[in-house]
Amino acid sequence: MVARVFGRENVEEGISQVSPASSRAVFLVGMAQERDPQTSLAPGRRLEPVHLHGVEDTSVHLTLPTARGAELVQLGWAEPHQYADFDTEFMIYGPRNEQELEQVLSVIEESLAFASDEEDLRH
């Protein structure tokens, strides 16, 4: 998962501003400021729409539109973030197999698109 996320051209790896040191922040290249505080896990700081937790956890914190996050909660894929500032922050469970990996990567794509206000960042 880490290699696939950070292998994207439009992201860069960094130290999370709000999570333990073992977490890896996903920053969007060329977009340091959030367009809306609800799109970042670190409102008011550098835009951090996603961070990946350490290798022993593999869950992901990210931001999504409220309705989409609620849908993922209903489907059993996510939980509302326990320390959320807004209702756009969610914890996605770590993937257990290749099929789940593809689904989690797709949700990460949704979060990056939400943060950048882009329709589709999958290219």
PDB file of N, CA and C in Angstrom:
ATOM      1  N   MET A   1       0.822  -1.174   0.000  1.00  0.00           N
ATOM      2  CA  MET A   1       0.000   0.000   0.000  1.00  0.00           C
ATOM      3  C   MET A   1       0.877   1.253   0.000  1.00  0.00           C
ATOM      4  N   VAL A   2       1.887   1.274   0.827  1.00  0.00           N
ATOM      5  CA  VAL A   2       2.771   2.439   0.924  1.00  0.00           C
ATOM      6  C   VAL A   2       3.420   2.716  -0.436  1.00  0.00           C
ATOM      7  N   ALA A   3       3.945   1.696  -1.069  1.00  0.00           N
ATOM      8  CA  ALA A   3       4.610   1.875  -2.367  1.00  0.00           C
ATOM      9  C   ALA A   3       3.642   2.391  -3.415  1.00  0.00           C
ATOM     10  N   ARG A   4       2.434   1.886  -3.428  1.00  0.00           N
ATOM     11  CA  ARG A   4       1.444   2.322  -4.417  1.00  0.00           C
ATOM     12  C   ARG A   4       1.026   3.773  -4.179  1.00  0.00           C
ATOM     13  N   VAL A   5       0.825   4.156  -2.935  1.00  0.00           N
ATOM     14  CA  VAL A   5       0.406   5.524  -2.642  1.00  0.00           C
ATOM     15  C   VAL A   5       1.521   6.506  -2.989  1.00  0.00           C
ATOM     16  N   PHE A   6       2.728   6.231  -2.530  1.00  0.00           N
ATOM     17  CA  PHE A   6       3.818   7.187  -2.739  1.00  0.00           C
ATOM     18  C   PHE A   6       4.484   7.045  -4.104  1.00  0.00           C
ATOM     19  N   GLY A   7       4.039   6.081  -4.893  1.00  0.00           N
ATOM     20  CA  GLY A   7       4.497   5.954  -6.263  1.00  0.00           C
ATOM     21  C   GLY A   7       3.750   6.878  -7.213  1.00  0.00           C
ATOM     22  N   ARG A   8       2.735   7.538  -6.717  1.00  0.00           N
ATOM     23  CA  ARG A   8       1.945   8.470  -7.537  1.00  0.00           C
ATOM     24  C   ARG A   8       2.726   9.761  -7.768  1.00  0.00           C
ATOM     25  N   GLU A   9       2.566  10.338  -8.946  1.00  0.00           N
ATOM     26  CA  GLU A   9       3.293  11.563  -9.284  1.00  0.00           C
ATOM     27  C   GLU A   9       2.797  12.776  -8.512  1.00  0.00           C
ATOM     28  N   ASN A  10       1.528  12.790  -8.114  1.00  0.00           N
ATOM     29  CA  ASN A  10       0.960  13.999  -7.517  1.00  0.00           C
ATOM     30  C   ASN A  10       1.038  14.028  -5.992  1.00  0.00           C
ATOM     31  N   VAL A  11       1.734  13.077  -5.382  1.00  0.00           N
ATOM     32  CA  VAL A  11       1.849  13.075  -3.927  1.00  0.00           C
ATOM     33  C   VAL A  11       3.310  13.004  -3.493  1.00  0.00           C
ATOM     34  N   GLU A  12       3.526  13.434  -2.257  1.00  0.00           N
ATOM     35  CA  GLU A  12       4.847  13.272  -1.653  1.00  0.00           C
ATOM     36  C   GLU A  12       4.668  12.836  -0.203  1.00  0.00           C
ATOM     37  N   GLU A  13       5.622  12.085   0.265  1.00  0.00           N
ATOM     38  CA  GLU A  13       5.601  11.561   1.627  1.00  0.00           C
ATOM     39  C   GLU A  13       6.170  12.589   2.588  1.00  0.00           C
ATOM     40  N   GLY A  14       5.595  12.624   3.776  1.00  0.00           N
ATOM     41  CA  GLY A  14       6.102  13.518   4.798  1.00  0.00           C
ATOM     42  C   GLY A  14       5.787  12.992   6.181  1.00  0.00           C
ATOM     43  N   ILE A  15       6.171  13.755   7.168  1.00  0.00           N
ATOM     44  CA  ILE A  15       5.890  13.422   8.560  1.00  0.00           C
ATOM     45  C   ILE A  15       4.514  13.973   8.900  1.00  0.00           C
ATOM     46  N   SER A  16       3.677  13.137   9.441  1.00  0.00           N
ATOM     47  CA  SER A  16       2.334  13.590   9.798  1.00  0.00           C
ATOM     48  C   SER A  16       2.412  14.680  10.850  1.00  0.00           C
ATOM     49  N   GLN A  17       1.539  15.643  10.705  1.00  0.00           N
ATOM     50  CA  GLN A  17       1.477  16.762  11.644  1.00  0.00           C
ATOM     51  C   GLN A  17       0.596  16.459  12.840  1.00  0.00           C
ATOM     52  N   VAL A  18      -0.132  15.345  12.789  1.00  0.00           N
ATOM     53  CA  VAL A  18      -1.125  15.046  13.823  1.00  0.00           C
ATOM     54  C   VAL A  18      -1.136  13.590  14.276  1.00  0.00           C
ATOM     55  N   SER A  19      -0.234  12.783  13.786  1.00  0.00           N
ATOM     56  CA  SER A  19      -0.228  11.361  14.095  1.00  0.00           C
ATOM     57  C   SER A  19       1.161  10.958  14.576  1.00  0.00           C
ATOM     58  N   PRO A  20       1.310   9.827  15.255  1.00  0.00           N
ATOM     59  CA  PRO A  20       2.625   9.404  15.738  1.00  0.00           C
ATOM     60  C   PRO A  20       3.668   9.318  14.622  1.00  0.00           C
ATOM     61  N   ALA A  21       4.914   9.358  15.000  1.00  0.00           N
ATOM     62  CA  ALA A  21       6.030   9.382  14.051  1.00  0.00           C
ATOM     63  C   ALA A  21       6.036   8.196  13.092  1.00  0.00           C
ATOM     64  N   SER A  22       5.432   7.083  13.458  1.00  0.00           N
ATOM     65  CA  SER A  22       5.412   5.918  12.575  1.00  0.00           C
ATOM     66  C   SER A  22       4.430   6.096  11.416  1.00  0.00           C
ATOM     67  N   SER A  23       3.608   7.129  11.460  1.00  0.00           N
ATOM     68  CA  SER A  23       2.656   7.399  10.386  1.00  0.00           C
ATOM     69  C   SER A  23       3.313   8.204   9.279  1.00  0.00           C
ATOM     70  N   ARG A  24       2.808   8.019   8.060  1.00  0.00           N
ATOM     71  CA  ARG A  24       3.344   8.723   6.905  1.00  0.00           C
ATOM     72  C   ARG A  24       2.276   9.623   6.318  1.00  0.00           C
ATOM     73  N   ALA A  25       2.552  10.903   6.288  1.00  0.00           N
ATOM     74  CA  ALA A  25       1.597  11.859   5.726  1.00  0.00           C
ATOM     75  C   ALA A  25       1.642  11.790   4.204  1.00  0.00           C
ATOM     76  N   VAL A  26       0.475  11.945   3.600  1.00  0.00           N
ATOM     77  CA  VAL A  26       0.358  12.041   2.147  1.00  0.00           C
ATOM     78  C   VAL A  26       0.043  13.502   1.833  1.00  0.00           C
ATOM     79  N   PHE A  27       0.997  14.181   1.219  1.00  0.00           N
ATOM     80  CA  PHE A  27       0.836  15.571   0.825  1.00  0.00           C
ATOM     81  C   PHE A  27       0.650  15.635  -0.683  1.00  0.00           C
ATOM     82  N   LEU A  28      -0.141  16.583  -1.150  1.00  0.00           N
ATOM     83  CA  LEU A  28      -0.315  16.794  -2.584  1.00  0.00           C
ATOM     84  C   LEU A  28       0.756  17.752  -3.094  1.00  0.00           C
ATOM     85  N   VAL A  29       1.451  17.361  -4.140  1.00  0.00           N
ATOM     86  CA  VAL A  29       2.495  18.188  -4.736  1.00  0.00           C
ATOM     87  C   VAL A  29       1.874  19.503  -5.211  1.00  0.00           C
ATOM     88  N   GLY A  30       2.500  20.604  -4.844  1.00  0.00           N
ATOM     89  CA  GLY A  30       2.050  21.913  -5.293  1.00  0.00           C
ATOM     90  C   GLY A  30       0.815  22.448  -4.596  1.00  0.00           C
ATOM     91  N   MET A  31       0.385  21.787  -3.543  1.00  0.00           N
ATOM     92  CA  MET A  31      -0.811  22.247  -2.835  1.00  0.00           C
ATOM     93  C   MET A  31      -0.548  22.193  -1.334  1.00  0.00           C
ATOM     94  N   ALA A  32       0.087  23.210  -0.816  1.00  0.00           N
ATOM     95  CA  ALA A  32       0.423  23.249   0.603  1.00  0.00           C
ATOM     96  C   ALA A  32      -0.753  23.698   1.466  1.00  0.00           C
ATOM     97  N   GLN A  33      -1.593  24.571   0.914  1.00  0.00           N
ATOM     98  CA  GLN A  33      -2.717  25.109   1.686  1.00  0.00           C
ATOM     99  C   GLN A  33      -3.994  24.345   1.382  1.00  0.00           C
ATOM    100  N   GLU A  34      -4.782  24.133   2.398  1.00  0.00           N
ATOM    101  CA  GLU A  34      -6.084  23.491   2.209  1.00  0.00           C
ATOM    102  C   GLU A  34      -7.049  24.453   1.523  1.00  0.00           C
ATOM    103  N   ARG A  35      -7.928  23.936   0.710  1.00  0.00           N
ATOM    104  CA  ARG A  35      -8.961  24.775   0.090  1.00  0.00           C
ATOM    105  C   ARG A  35     -10.112  24.976   1.056  1.00  0.00           C
ATOM    106  N   ASP A  36     -10.214  24.079   2.025  1.00  0.00           N
ATOM    107  CA  ASP A  36     -11.264  24.105   3.039  1.00  0.00           C
ATOM    108  C   ASP A  36     -10.716  23.319   4.233  1.00  0.00           C
ATOM    109  N   PRO A  37     -10.830  23.813   5.464  1.00  0.00           N
ATOM    110  CA  PRO A  37     -10.291  23.081   6.621  1.00  0.00           C
ATOM    111  C   PRO A  37     -10.830  21.649   6.748  1.00  0.00           C
ATOM    112  N   GLN A  38     -12.010  21.392   6.225  1.00  0.00           N
ATOM    113  CA  GLN A  38     -12.601  20.053   6.327  1.00  0.00           C
ATOM    114  C   GLN A  38     -11.920  19.028   5.431  1.00  0.00           C
ATOM    115  N   THR A  39     -11.010  19.469   4.566  1.00  0.00           N
ATOM    116  CA  THR A  39     -10.324  18.554   3.655  1.00  0.00           C
ATOM    117  C   THR A  39      -8.966  18.093   4.182  1.00  0.00           C
ATOM    118  N   SER A  40      -8.608  18.527   5.393  1.00  0.00           N
ATOM    119  CA  SER A  40      -7.297  18.202   5.942  1.00  0.00           C
ATOM    120  C   SER A  40      -7.401  17.614   7.341  1.00  0.00           C
ATOM    121  N   LEU A  41      -6.526  16.674   7.629  1.00  0.00           N
ATOM    122  CA  LEU A  41      -6.437  16.109   8.980  1.00  0.00           C
ATOM    123  C   LEU A  41      -5.712  17.067   9.922  1.00  0.00           C
ATOM    124  N   ALA A  42      -5.068  18.081   9.355  1.00  0.00           N
ATOM    125  CA  ALA A  42      -4.323  19.082  10.133  1.00  0.00           C
ATOM    126  C   ALA A  42      -4.804  20.472   9.733  1.00  0.00           C
ATOM    127  N   PRO A  43      -6.042  20.807  10.038  1.00  0.00           N
ATOM    128  CA  PRO A  43      -6.584  22.107   9.609  1.00  0.00           C
ATOM    129  C   PRO A  43      -5.700  23.273  10.055  1.00  0.00           C
ATOM    130  N   GLY A  44      -5.486  24.217   9.133  1.00  0.00           N
ATOM    131  CA  GLY A  44      -4.682  25.391   9.443  1.00  0.00           C
ATOM    132  C   GLY A  44      -3.193  25.194   9.262  1.00  0.00           C
ATOM    133  N   ARG A  45      -2.779  23.988   8.946  1.00  0.00           N
ATOM    134  CA  ARG A  45      -1.362  23.699   8.681  1.00  0.00           C
ATOM    135  C   ARG A  45      -1.241  23.239   7.227  1.00  0.00           C
ATOM    136  N   ARG A  46      -0.144  22.610   6.884  1.00  0.00           N
ATOM    137  CA  ARG A  46       0.003  22.085   5.526  1.00  0.00           C
ATOM    138  C   ARG A  46      -1.104  21.074   5.264  1.00  0.00           C
ATOM    139  N   LEU A  47      -1.670  21.107   4.061  1.00  0.00           N
ATOM    140  CA  LEU A  47      -2.735  20.186   3.685  1.00  0.00           C
ATOM    141  C   LEU A  47      -2.285  18.740   3.843  1.00  0.00           C
ATOM    142  N   GLU A  48      -2.973  17.994   4.702  1.00  0.00           N
ATOM    143  CA  GLU A  48      -2.696  16.570   4.939  1.00  0.00           C
ATOM    144  C   GLU A  48      -4.030  15.819   4.833  1.00  0.00           C
ATOM    145  N   PRO A  49      -4.438  15.461   3.615  1.00  0.00           N
ATOM    146  CA  PRO A  49      -5.725  14.797   3.459  1.00  0.00           C
ATOM    147  C   PRO A  49      -5.721  13.336   3.911  1.00  0.00           C
ATOM    148  N   VAL A  50      -4.533  12.735   3.952  1.00  0.00           N
ATOM    149  CA  VAL A  50      -4.408  11.310   4.260  1.00  0.00           C
ATOM    150  C   VAL A  50      -3.128  11.089   5.053  1.00  0.00           C
ATOM    151  N   HIS A  51      -3.174  10.176   6.006  1.00  0.00           N
ATOM    152  CA  HIS A  51      -1.928   9.610   6.519  1.00  0.00           C
ATOM    153  C   HIS A  51      -2.114   8.119   6.723  1.00  0.00           C
ATOM    154  N   LEU A  52      -1.027   7.406   6.451  1.00  0.00           N
ATOM    155  CA  LEU A  52      -0.990   5.949   6.581  1.00  0.00           C
ATOM    156  C   LEU A  52      -0.359   5.628   7.917  1.00  0.00           C
ATOM    157  N   HIS A  53      -0.968   4.735   8.655  1.00  0.00           N
ATOM    158  CA  HIS A  53      -0.413   4.363   9.957  1.00  0.00           C
ATOM    159  C   HIS A  53       0.720   3.363   9.796  1.00  0.00           C
ATOM    160  N   GLY A  54       1.438   3.107  10.859  1.00  0.00           N
ATOM    161  CA  GLY A  54       2.623   2.257  10.842  1.00  0.00           C
ATOM    162  C   GLY A  54       2.378   0.850  10.333  1.00  0.00           C
ATOM    163  N   VAL A  55       3.469   0.155  10.073  1.00  0.00           N
ATOM    164  CA  VAL A  55       3.402  -1.175   9.457  1.00  0.00           C
ATOM    165  C   VAL A  55       2.683  -2.206  10.314  1.00  0.00           C
ATOM    166  N   GLU A  56       2.591  -1.995  11.597  1.00  0.00           N
ATOM    167  CA  GLU A  56       1.883  -2.946  12.447  1.00  0.00           C
ATOM    168  C   GLU A  56       0.398  -2.651  12.524  1.00  0.00           C
ATOM    169  N   ASP A  57      -0.034  -1.518  11.995  1.00  0.00           N
ATOM    170  CA  ASP A  57      -1.438  -1.120  12.029  1.00  0.00           C
ATOM    171  C   ASP A  57      -2.062  -1.241  10.644  1.00  0.00           C
ATOM    172  N   THR A  58      -1.540  -0.520   9.677  1.00  0.00           N
ATOM    173  CA  THR A  58      -1.963  -0.455   8.276  1.00  0.00           C
ATOM    174  C   THR A  58      -3.315   0.205   8.027  1.00  0.00           C
ATOM    175  N   SER A  59      -3.936   0.770   9.045  1.00  0.00           N
ATOM    176  CA  SER A  59      -5.155   1.531   8.796  1.00  0.00           C
ATOM    177  C   SER A  59      -4.764   2.904   8.254  1.00  0.00           C
ATOM    178  N   VAL A  60      -5.764   3.649   7.810  1.00  0.00           N
ATOM    179  CA  VAL A  60      -5.541   4.933   7.170  1.00  0.00           C
ATOM    180  C   VAL A  60      -6.514   5.945   7.756  1.00  0.00           C
ATOM    181  N   HIS A  61      -6.042   7.131   8.061  1.00  0.00           N
ATOM    182  CA  HIS A  61      -6.938   8.245   8.377  1.00  0.00           C
ATOM    183  C   HIS A  61      -6.997   9.121   7.140  1.00  0.00           C
ATOM    184  N   LEU A  62      -8.191   9.586   6.822  1.00  0.00           N
ATOM    185  CA  LEU A  62      -8.349  10.444   5.653  1.00  0.00           C
ATOM    186  C   LEU A  62      -9.617  11.272   5.752  1.00  0.00           C
ATOM    187  N   THR A  63      -9.720  12.235   4.847  1.00  0.00           N
ATOM    188  CA  THR A  63     -10.913  13.069   4.772  1.00  0.00           C
ATOM    189  C   THR A  63     -11.702  12.701   3.521  1.00  0.00           C
ATOM    190  N   LEU A  64     -13.014  12.747   3.660  1.00  0.00           N
ATOM    191  CA  LEU A  64     -13.942  12.448   2.570  1.00  0.00           C
ATOM    192  C   LEU A  64     -15.176  13.317   2.734  1.00  0.00           C
ATOM    193  N   PRO A  65     -15.935  13.518   1.665  1.00  0.00           N
ATOM    194  CA  PRO A  65     -17.228  14.165   1.853  1.00  0.00           C
ATOM    195  C   PRO A  65     -18.034  13.386   2.894  1.00  0.00           C
ATOM    196  N   THR A  66     -18.772  14.093   3.714  1.00  0.00           N
ATOM    197  CA  THR A  66     -19.502  13.478   4.823  1.00  0.00           C
ATOM    198  C   THR A  66     -20.363  12.294   4.386  1.00  0.00           C
ATOM    199  N   ALA A  67     -21.121  12.462   3.330  1.00  0.00           N
ATOM    200  CA  ALA A  67     -22.024  11.392   2.873  1.00  0.00           C
ATOM    201  C   ALA A  67     -21.246  10.158   2.435  1.00  0.00           C
ATOM    202  N   ARG A  68     -20.123  10.347   1.752  1.00  0.00           N
ATOM    203  CA  ARG A  68     -19.324   9.199   1.308  1.00  0.00           C
ATOM    204  C   ARG A  68     -18.705   8.484   2.502  1.00  0.00           C
ATOM    205  N   GLY A  69     -18.192   9.231   3.455  1.00  0.00           N
ATOM    206  CA  GLY A  69     -17.639   8.604   4.662  1.00  0.00           C
ATOM    207  C   GLY A  69     -18.691   7.829   5.414  1.00  0.00           C
ATOM    208  N   ALA A  70     -19.887   8.399   5.539  1.00  0.00           N
ATOM    209  CA  ALA A  70     -20.990   7.703   6.233  1.00  0.00           C
ATOM    210  C   ALA A  70     -21.357   6.418   5.502  1.00  0.00           C
ATOM    211  N   GLU A  71     -21.301   6.451   4.172  1.00  0.00           N
ATOM    212  CA  GLU A  71     -21.579   5.248   3.388  1.00  0.00           C
ATOM    213  C   GLU A  71     -20.552   4.156   3.695  1.00  0.00           C
ATOM    214  N   LEU A  72     -19.277   4.528   3.775  1.00  0.00           N
ATOM    215  CA  LEU A  72     -18.229   3.557   4.083  1.00  0.00           C
ATOM    216  C   LEU A  72     -18.364   3.011   5.502  1.00  0.00           C
ATOM    217  N   VAL A  73     -18.801   3.857   6.427  1.00  0.00           N
ATOM    218  CA  VAL A  73     -19.075   3.392   7.793  1.00  0.00           C
ATOM    219  C   VAL A  73     -20.195   2.360   7.758  1.00  0.00           C
ATOM    220  N   GLN A  74     -21.259   2.673   7.042  1.00  0.00           N
ATOM    221  CA  GLN A  74     -22.403   1.760   6.922  1.00  0.00           C
ATOM    222  C   GLN A  74     -21.999   0.424   6.300  1.00  0.00           C
ATOM    223  N   LEU A  75     -21.072   0.460   5.354  1.00  0.00           N
ATOM    224  CA  LEU A  75     -20.602  -0.755   4.691  1.00  0.00           C
ATOM    225  C   LEU A  75     -19.604  -1.543   5.543  1.00  0.00           C
ATOM    226  N   GLY A  76     -19.155  -0.967   6.658  1.00  0.00           N
ATOM    227  CA  GLY A  76     -18.207  -1.660   7.526  1.00  0.00           C
ATOM    228  C   GLY A  76     -16.747  -1.463   7.140  1.00  0.00           C
ATOM    229  N   TRP A  77     -16.466  -0.495   6.267  1.00  0.00           N
ATOM    230  CA  TRP A  77     -15.106  -0.237   5.833  1.00  0.00           C
ATOM    231  C   TRP A  77     -14.415   0.831   6.650  1.00  0.00           C
ATOM    232  N   ALA A  78     -15.182   1.598   7.413  1.00  0.00           N
ATOM    233  CA  ALA A  78     -14.615   2.768   8.076  1.00  0.00           C
ATOM    234  C   ALA A  78     -15.300   3.035   9.403  1.00  0.00           C
ATOM    235  N   GLU A  79     -14.673   3.923  10.160  1.00  0.00           N
ATOM    236  CA  GLU A  79     -15.246   4.470  11.394  1.00  0.00           C
ATOM    237  C   GLU A  79     -15.007   5.973  11.369  1.00  0.00           C
ATOM    238  N   PRO A  80     -15.886   6.746  11.987  1.00  0.00           N
ATOM    239  CA  PRO A  80     -15.570   8.173  12.133  1.00  0.00           C
ATOM    240  C   PRO A  80     -14.276   8.305  12.941  1.00  0.00           C
ATOM    241  N   HIS A  81     -13.449   9.248  12.575  1.00  0.00           N
ATOM    242  CA  HIS A  81     -12.185   9.490  13.285  1.00  0.00           C
ATOM    243  C   HIS A  81     -12.505   9.865  14.728  1.00  0.00           C
ATOM    244  N   GLN A  82     -11.841   9.244  15.674  1.00  0.00           N
ATOM    245  CA  GLN A  82     -12.158   9.476  17.089  1.00  0.00           C
ATOM    246  C   GLN A  82     -11.788  10.874  17.582  1.00  0.00           C
ATOM    247  N   TYR A  83     -10.878  11.553  16.882  1.00  0.00           N
ATOM    248  CA  TYR A  83     -10.494  12.902  17.287  1.00  0.00           C
ATOM    249  C   TYR A  83     -10.834  13.925  16.201  1.00  0.00           C
ATOM    250  N   ALA A  84     -11.905  13.688  15.489  1.00  0.00           N
ATOM    251  CA  ALA A  84     -12.268  14.534  14.344  1.00  0.00           C
ATOM    252  C   ALA A  84     -12.626  15.956  14.759  1.00  0.00           C
ATOM    253  N   ASP A  85     -12.158  16.907  13.961  1.00  0.00           N
ATOM    254  CA  ASP A  85     -12.575  18.299  14.105  1.00  0.00           C
ATOM    255  C   ASP A  85     -13.854  18.554  13.315  1.00  0.00           C
ATOM    256  N   PHE A  86     -14.055  17.750  12.253  1.00  0.00           N
ATOM    257  CA  PHE A  86     -15.203  17.886  11.369  1.00  0.00           C
ATOM    258  C   PHE A  86     -15.796  16.502  11.124  1.00  0.00           C
ATOM    259  N   ASP A  87     -16.922  16.458  10.455  1.00  0.00           N
ATOM    260  CA  ASP A  87     -17.536  15.165  10.147  1.00  0.00           C
ATOM    261  C   ASP A  87     -17.054  14.608   8.812  1.00  0.00           C
ATOM    262  N   THR A  88     -15.865  15.023   8.405  1.00  0.00           N
ATOM    263  CA  THR A  88     -15.265  14.576   7.149  1.00  0.00           C
ATOM    264  C   THR A  88     -14.040  13.684   7.372  1.00  0.00           C
ATOM    265  N   GLU A  89     -13.742  13.371   8.624  1.00  0.00           N
ATOM    266  CA  GLU A  89     -12.532  12.617   8.955  1.00  0.00           C
ATOM    267  C   GLU A  89     -12.897  11.182   9.352  1.00  0.00           C
ATOM    268  N   PHE A  90     -12.207  10.220   8.710  1.00  0.00           N
ATOM    269  CA  PHE A  90     -12.545   8.811   8.902  1.00  0.00           C
ATOM    270  C   PHE A  90     -11.297   7.961   9.034  1.00  0.00           C
ATOM    271  N   MET A  91     -11.469   6.819   9.676  1.00  0.00           N
ATOM    272  CA  MET A  91     -10.436   5.803   9.748  1.00  0.00           C
ATOM    273  C   MET A  91     -10.895   4.659   8.851  1.00  0.00           C
ATOM    274  N   ILE A  92     -10.040   4.279   7.908  1.00  0.00           N
ATOM    275  CA  ILE A  92     -10.310   3.163   7.004  1.00  0.00           C
ATOM    276  C   ILE A  92      -9.474   1.984   7.479  1.00  0.00           C
ATOM    277  N   TYR A  93     -10.113   0.828   7.587  1.00  0.00           N
ATOM    278  CA  TYR A  93      -9.396  -0.365   8.034  1.00  0.00           C
ATOM    279  C   TYR A  93      -8.330  -0.764   7.026  1.00  0.00           C
ATOM    280  N   GLY A  94      -7.231  -1.324   7.530  1.00  0.00           N
ATOM    281  CA  GLY A  94      -6.151  -1.783   6.660  1.00  0.00           C
ATOM    282  C   GLY A  94      -6.581  -2.962   5.821  1.00  0.00           C
ATOM    283  N   PRO A  95      -6.098  -3.043   4.587  1.00  0.00           N
ATOM    284  CA  PRO A  95      -6.463  -4.154   3.710  1.00  0.00           C
ATOM    285  C   PRO A  95      -5.831  -5.465   4.162  1.00  0.00           C
ATOM    286  N   ARG A  96      -6.579  -6.561   3.939  1.00  0.00           N
ATOM    287  CA  ARG A  96      -6.095  -7.891   4.319  1.00  0.00           C
ATOM    288  C   ARG A  96      -5.682  -8.730   3.122  1.00  0.00           C
ATOM    289  N   ASN A  97      -6.036  -8.292   1.933  1.00  0.00           N
ATOM    290  CA  ASN A  97      -5.687  -9.046   0.730  1.00  0.00           C
ATOM    291  C   ASN A  97      -5.633  -8.078  -0.453  1.00  0.00           C
ATOM    292  N   GLU A  98      -5.303  -8.598  -1.622  1.00  0.00           N
ATOM    293  CA  GLU A  98      -5.123  -7.750  -2.811  1.00  0.00           C
ATOM    294  C   GLU A  98      -6.415  -7.033  -3.208  1.00  0.00           C
ATOM    295  N   GLN A  99      -7.538  -7.701  -3.120  1.00  0.00           N
ATOM    296  CA  GLN A  99      -8.816  -7.074  -3.478  1.00  0.00           C
ATOM    297  C   GLN A  99      -9.122  -5.903  -2.538  1.00  0.00           C
ATOM    298  N   GLU A 100      -8.938  -6.102  -1.260  1.00  0.00           N
ATOM    299  CA  GLU A 100      -9.162  -5.015  -0.298  1.00  0.00           C
ATOM    300  C   GLU A 100      -8.152  -3.892  -0.501  1.00  0.00           C
ATOM    301  N   LEU A 101      -6.925  -4.244  -0.870  1.00  0.00           N
ATOM    302  CA  LEU A 101      -5.915  -3.212  -1.144  1.00  0.00           C
ATOM    303  C   LEU A 101      -6.408  -2.292  -2.252  1.00  0.00           C
ATOM    304  N   GLU A 102      -6.930  -2.852  -3.316  1.00  0.00           N
ATOM    305  CA  GLU A 102      -7.429  -2.035  -4.427  1.00  0.00           C
ATOM    306  C   GLU A 102      -8.570  -1.131  -3.969  1.00  0.00           C
ATOM    307  N   GLN A 103      -9.424  -1.638  -3.099  1.00  0.00           N
ATOM    308  CA  GLN A 103     -10.546  -0.833  -2.608  1.00  0.00           C
ATOM    309  C   GLN A 103     -10.050   0.308  -1.713  1.00  0.00           C
ATOM    310  N   VAL A 104      -9.102   0.023  -0.839  1.00  0.00           N
ATOM    311  CA  VAL A 104      -8.554   1.065   0.037  1.00  0.00           C
ATOM    312  C   VAL A 104      -7.831   2.121  -0.801  1.00  0.00           C
ATOM    313  N   LEU A 105      -7.074   1.689  -1.793  1.00  0.00           N
ATOM    314  CA  LEU A 105      -6.399   2.650  -2.672  1.00  0.00           C
ATOM    315  C   LEU A 105      -7.408   3.532  -3.397  1.00  0.00           C
ATOM    316  N   SER A 106      -8.524   2.968  -3.786  1.00  0.00           N
ATOM    317  CA  SER A 106      -9.581   3.746  -4.441  1.00  0.00           C
ATOM    318  C   SER A 106     -10.152   4.805  -3.500  1.00  0.00           C
ATOM    319  N   VAL A 107     -10.333   4.460  -2.240  1.00  0.00           N
ATOM    320  CA  VAL A 107     -10.840   5.428  -1.267  1.00  0.00           C
ATOM    321  C   VAL A 107      -9.796   6.518  -1.016  1.00  0.00           C
ATOM    322  N   ILE A 108      -8.536   6.163  -0.992  1.00  0.00           N
ATOM    323  CA  ILE A 108      -7.477   7.164  -0.854  1.00  0.00           C
ATOM    324  C   ILE A 108      -7.533   8.130  -2.043  1.00  0.00           C
ATOM    325  N   GLU A 109      -7.748   7.610  -3.237  1.00  0.00           N
ATOM    326  CA  GLU A 109      -7.911   8.467  -4.422  1.00  0.00           C
ATOM    327  C   GLU A 109      -9.069   9.440  -4.232  1.00  0.00           C
ATOM    328  N   GLU A 110     -10.173   8.946  -3.681  1.00  0.00           N
ATOM    329  CA  GLU A 110     -11.326   9.814  -3.429  1.00  0.00           C
ATOM    330  C   GLU A 110     -10.958  10.939  -2.469  1.00  0.00           C
ATOM    331  N   SER A 111     -10.185  10.617  -1.449  1.00  0.00           N
ATOM    332  CA  SER A 111      -9.778  11.620  -0.472  1.00  0.00           C
ATOM    333  C   SER A 111      -8.887  12.678  -1.111  1.00  0.00           C
ATOM    334  N   LEU A 112      -7.948  12.263  -1.939  1.00  0.00           N
ATOM    335  CA  LEU A 112      -7.065  13.214  -2.608  1.00  0.00           C
ATOM    336  C   LEU A 112      -7.863  14.115  -3.548  1.00  0.00           C
ATOM    337  N   ALA A 113      -8.828  13.545  -4.227  1.00  0.00           N
ATOM    338  CA  ALA A 113      -9.688  14.339  -5.111  1.00  0.00           C
ATOM    339  C   ALA A 113     -10.524  15.329  -4.300  1.00  0.00           C
ATOM    340  N   PHE A 114     -11.043  14.898  -3.160  1.00  0.00           N
ATOM    341  CA  PHE A 114     -11.824  15.767  -2.276  1.00  0.00           C
ATOM    342  C   PHE A 114     -10.968  16.933  -1.791  1.00  0.00           C
ATOM    343  N   ALA A 115      -9.727  16.641  -1.411  1.00  0.00           N
ATOM    344  CA  ALA A 115      -8.843  17.686  -0.890  1.00  0.00           C
ATOM    345  C   ALA A 115      -8.457  18.693  -1.957  1.00  0.00           C
ATOM    346  N   SER A 116      -8.293  18.233  -3.178  1.00  0.00           N
ATOM    347  CA  SER A 116      -7.840  19.127  -4.245  1.00  0.00           C
ATOM    348  C   SER A 116      -8.990  19.697  -5.062  1.00  0.00           C
ATOM    349  N   ASP A 117     -10.184  19.240  -4.786  1.00  0.00           N
ATOM    350  CA  ASP A 117     -11.374  19.669  -5.521  1.00  0.00           C
ATOM    351  C   ASP A 117     -11.280  19.254  -6.985  1.00  0.00           C
ATOM    352  N   GLU A 118     -10.611  18.150  -7.230  1.00  0.00           N
ATOM    353  CA  GLU A 118     -10.479  17.606  -8.579  1.00  0.00           C
ATOM    354  C   GLU A 118     -11.495  16.496  -8.746  1.00  0.00           C
ATOM    355  N   GLU A 119     -12.073  16.408  -9.918  1.00  0.00           N
ATOM    356  CA  GLU A 119     -13.043  15.340 -10.200  1.00  0.00           C
ATOM    357  C   GLU A 119     -12.371  13.985 -10.142  1.00  0.00           C
ATOM    358  N   ASP A 120     -11.154  13.907 -10.706  1.00  0.00           N
ATOM    359  CA  ASP A 120     -10.523  12.607 -10.827  1.00  0.00           C
ATOM    360  C   ASP A 120      -9.000  12.770 -10.826  1.00  0.00           C
ATOM    361  N   LEU A 121      -8.338  12.227  -9.803  1.00  0.00           N
ATOM    362  CA  LEU A 121      -6.867  12.269  -9.731  1.00  0.00           C
ATOM    363  C   LEU A 121      -6.256  10.917 -10.077  1.00  0.00           C
ATOM    364  N   ARG A 122      -6.988  10.035 -10.685  1.00  0.00           N
ATOM    365  CA  ARG A 122      -6.506   8.667 -10.921  1.00  0.00           C
ATOM    366  C   ARG A 122      -5.527   8.558 -12.070  1.00  0.00           C
ATOM    367  N   HIS A 123      -5.274   9.624 -12.802  1.00  0.00           N
ATOM    368  CA  HIS A 123      -4.390   9.561 -13.975  1.00  0.00           C
ATOM    369  C   HIS A 123      -2.940   9.584 -13.544  1.00  0.00           C
TER     370      HIS A 123
END
